[in-house]
Amino acid sequence: GSLVVNYPFDDDEQGIAIYSKSPDDAVFQKLALAYSKENAKMYQGSPCKDMYPTEYFPHGITNGAQWYNVPGGMQDWNYLHTNCFEVTVELGCVKYPKAEELPKYWAQNRRSLLQFMKQV
């Protein structure tokens, strides 16, 4: 896990980790930023320093392919084949948090979710 909003494209023609700009890149960045700005830890860009000390996401967002290449991912498929604008929100550094930690996740992401819905 991580703490970041990832937006298309997740794949690059060369199959390497490089920025892969979609035709709607500016819209995807706006949507991702709307979410991350309301989550202080995410917006700082270095959420998992203990696990990934060199990982940095400016303003808590990243182009999927620039982070790591995912050929044939659902996010890209939905965008290309159904015109569905989809982002992936990674909610934390721990992939499977304990149940008692879930209220903390809600508190950290409630405002982000509301701001994201306002973008519609």
Protein backbone atom coordinates (compact mmCIF):
# COMPACT_ATOMS: atom_id res chain seq x y z
CA GLY A 1 0.00 0.00 0.00
CA SER A 2 0.80 3.66 -0.16
CA LEU A 3 -0.95 6.97 0.34
CA VAL A 4 -1.47 8.54 -3.07
CA VAL A 5 -4.01 9.15 -5.84
CA ASN A 6 -2.92 7.46 -9.06
CA TYR A 7 -4.38 8.52 -12.44
CA PRO A 8 -4.16 7.23 -16.06
CA PHE A 9 -2.35 6.07 -17.90
CA ASP A 10 -0.97 3.15 -15.92
CA ASP A 11 0.75 1.71 -18.96
CA ASP A 12 3.42 2.96 -21.32
CA GLU A 13 4.00 1.71 -24.86
CA GLN A 14 7.61 0.91 -23.98
CA GLY A 15 6.67 -0.98 -20.82
CA ILE A 16 8.82 1.19 -18.56
CA ALA A 17 8.07 3.48 -15.62
CA ILE A 18 7.68 6.81 -17.43
CA TYR A 19 4.96 9.48 -17.46
CA SER A 20 2.21 8.31 -19.78
CA LYS A 21 -0.09 11.25 -20.48
CA SER A 22 -3.72 10.62 -21.37
CA PRO A 23 -5.68 13.06 -23.56
CA ASP A 24 -7.51 14.17 -20.38
CA ASP A 25 -4.38 14.47 -18.24
CA ALA A 26 -5.30 17.90 -16.85
CA VAL A 27 -8.74 16.67 -15.74
CA PHE A 28 -7.25 13.60 -14.07
CA GLN A 29 -4.68 15.74 -12.26
CA LYS A 30 -7.44 18.06 -11.05
CA LEU A 31 -9.51 15.14 -9.73
CA ALA A 32 -6.52 13.56 -8.02
CA LEU A 33 -5.45 16.85 -6.47
CA ALA A 34 -8.98 17.58 -5.23
CA TYR A 35 -8.76 14.38 -3.20
CA SER A 36 -5.19 14.68 -1.95
CA LYS A 37 -5.44 18.32 -0.84
CA GLU A 38 -7.93 17.32 1.86
CA ASN A 39 -5.66 14.61 3.28
CA ALA A 40 -2.71 16.38 4.91
CA LYS A 41 -0.45 13.33 5.13
CA MET A 42 -1.17 12.34 1.51
CA TYR A 43 -0.61 15.88 0.22
CA GLN A 44 2.87 16.01 1.80
CA GLY A 45 3.96 13.38 -0.71
CA SER A 46 6.18 11.12 1.42
CA PRO A 47 3.70 9.00 3.35
CA CYS A 48 5.57 5.71 3.82
CA LYS A 49 9.09 6.83 4.74
CA ASP A 50 9.73 3.78 6.92
CA MET A 51 8.78 1.35 4.16
CA TYR A 52 9.78 3.30 1.03
CA PRO A 53 12.28 6.03 2.03
CA THR A 54 12.88 7.29 -1.52
CA GLU A 55 9.25 7.30 -2.68
CA TYR A 56 7.88 10.81 -3.24
CA PHE A 57 4.61 11.91 -4.83
CA PRO A 58 4.41 15.68 -5.41
CA HIS A 59 1.18 16.86 -3.77
CA GLY A 60 0.15 13.26 -3.13
CA ILE A 61 -0.68 12.38 -6.73
CA THR A 62 1.05 10.40 -9.46
CA ASN A 63 0.64 9.27 -13.01
CA GLY A 64 0.29 5.50 -12.77
CA ALA A 65 2.88 4.58 -15.39
CA GLN A 66 5.40 6.98 -13.89
CA TRP A 67 5.06 5.19 -10.53
CA TYR A 68 5.15 1.67 -11.99
CA ASN A 69 3.96 0.19 -15.27
CA VAL A 70 0.71 -1.84 -15.22
CA PRO A 71 -0.15 -3.24 -18.67
CA GLY A 72 -3.84 -3.97 -19.20
CA GLY A 73 -5.04 -2.37 -15.95
CA MET A 74 -8.73 -1.76 -15.29
CA GLN A 75 -8.27 1.99 -14.79
CA ASP A 76 -6.92 2.41 -18.33
CA TRP A 77 -9.36 -0.05 -19.86
CA ASN A 78 -12.35 1.78 -18.36
CA TYR A 79 -11.05 5.10 -19.64
CA LEU A 80 -10.31 3.89 -23.16
CA HIS A 81 -13.32 1.62 -23.71
CA THR A 82 -16.15 3.12 -21.66
CA ASN A 83 -15.10 6.78 -21.24
CA CYS A 84 -15.13 6.25 -17.47
CA PHE A 85 -12.75 8.60 -15.65
CA GLU A 86 -11.28 6.48 -12.89
CA VAL A 87 -8.50 7.12 -10.39
CA THR A 88 -7.00 4.74 -7.86
CA VAL A 89 -6.84 5.96 -4.29
CA GLU A 90 -4.24 4.21 -2.15
CA LEU A 91 -5.41 4.82 1.44
CA GLY A 92 -2.40 3.86 3.49
CA CYS A 93 1.00 2.32 3.85
CA VAL A 94 -0.42 -0.80 5.50
CA LYS A 95 -2.16 -3.01 2.95
CA TYR A 96 -4.47 -4.70 5.47
CA PRO A 97 -5.11 -2.42 8.47
CA LYS A 98 -6.64 -3.76 11.66
CA ALA A 99 -10.36 -3.16 12.18
CA GLU A 100 -9.76 -0.83 15.13
CA GLU A 101 -7.72 1.45 12.83
CA LEU A 102 -10.57 1.97 10.35
CA PRO A 103 -12.08 5.00 12.17
CA LYS A 104 -8.69 6.73 11.76
CA TYR A 105 -8.80 6.05 8.01
CA TRP A 106 -12.31 7.46 7.84
CA ALA A 107 -11.24 10.61 9.70
CA GLN A 108 -8.26 11.09 7.36
CA ASN A 109 -10.32 10.61 4.18
CA ARG A 110 -13.83 11.91 4.89
CA ARG A 111 -13.13 15.45 3.65
CA SER A 112 -11.21 14.06 0.67
CA LEU A 113 -14.15 11.90 -0.37
CA LEU A 114 -16.57 14.81 -0.08
CA GLN A 115 -14.30 17.07 -2.13
CA PHE A 116 -13.88 14.32 -4.73
CA MET A 117 -17.68 13.97 -5.04
CA LYS A 118 -18.02 17.73 -5.49
CA GLN A 119 -15.92 17.45 -8.65
CA VAL A 120 -18.82 15.72 -10.41
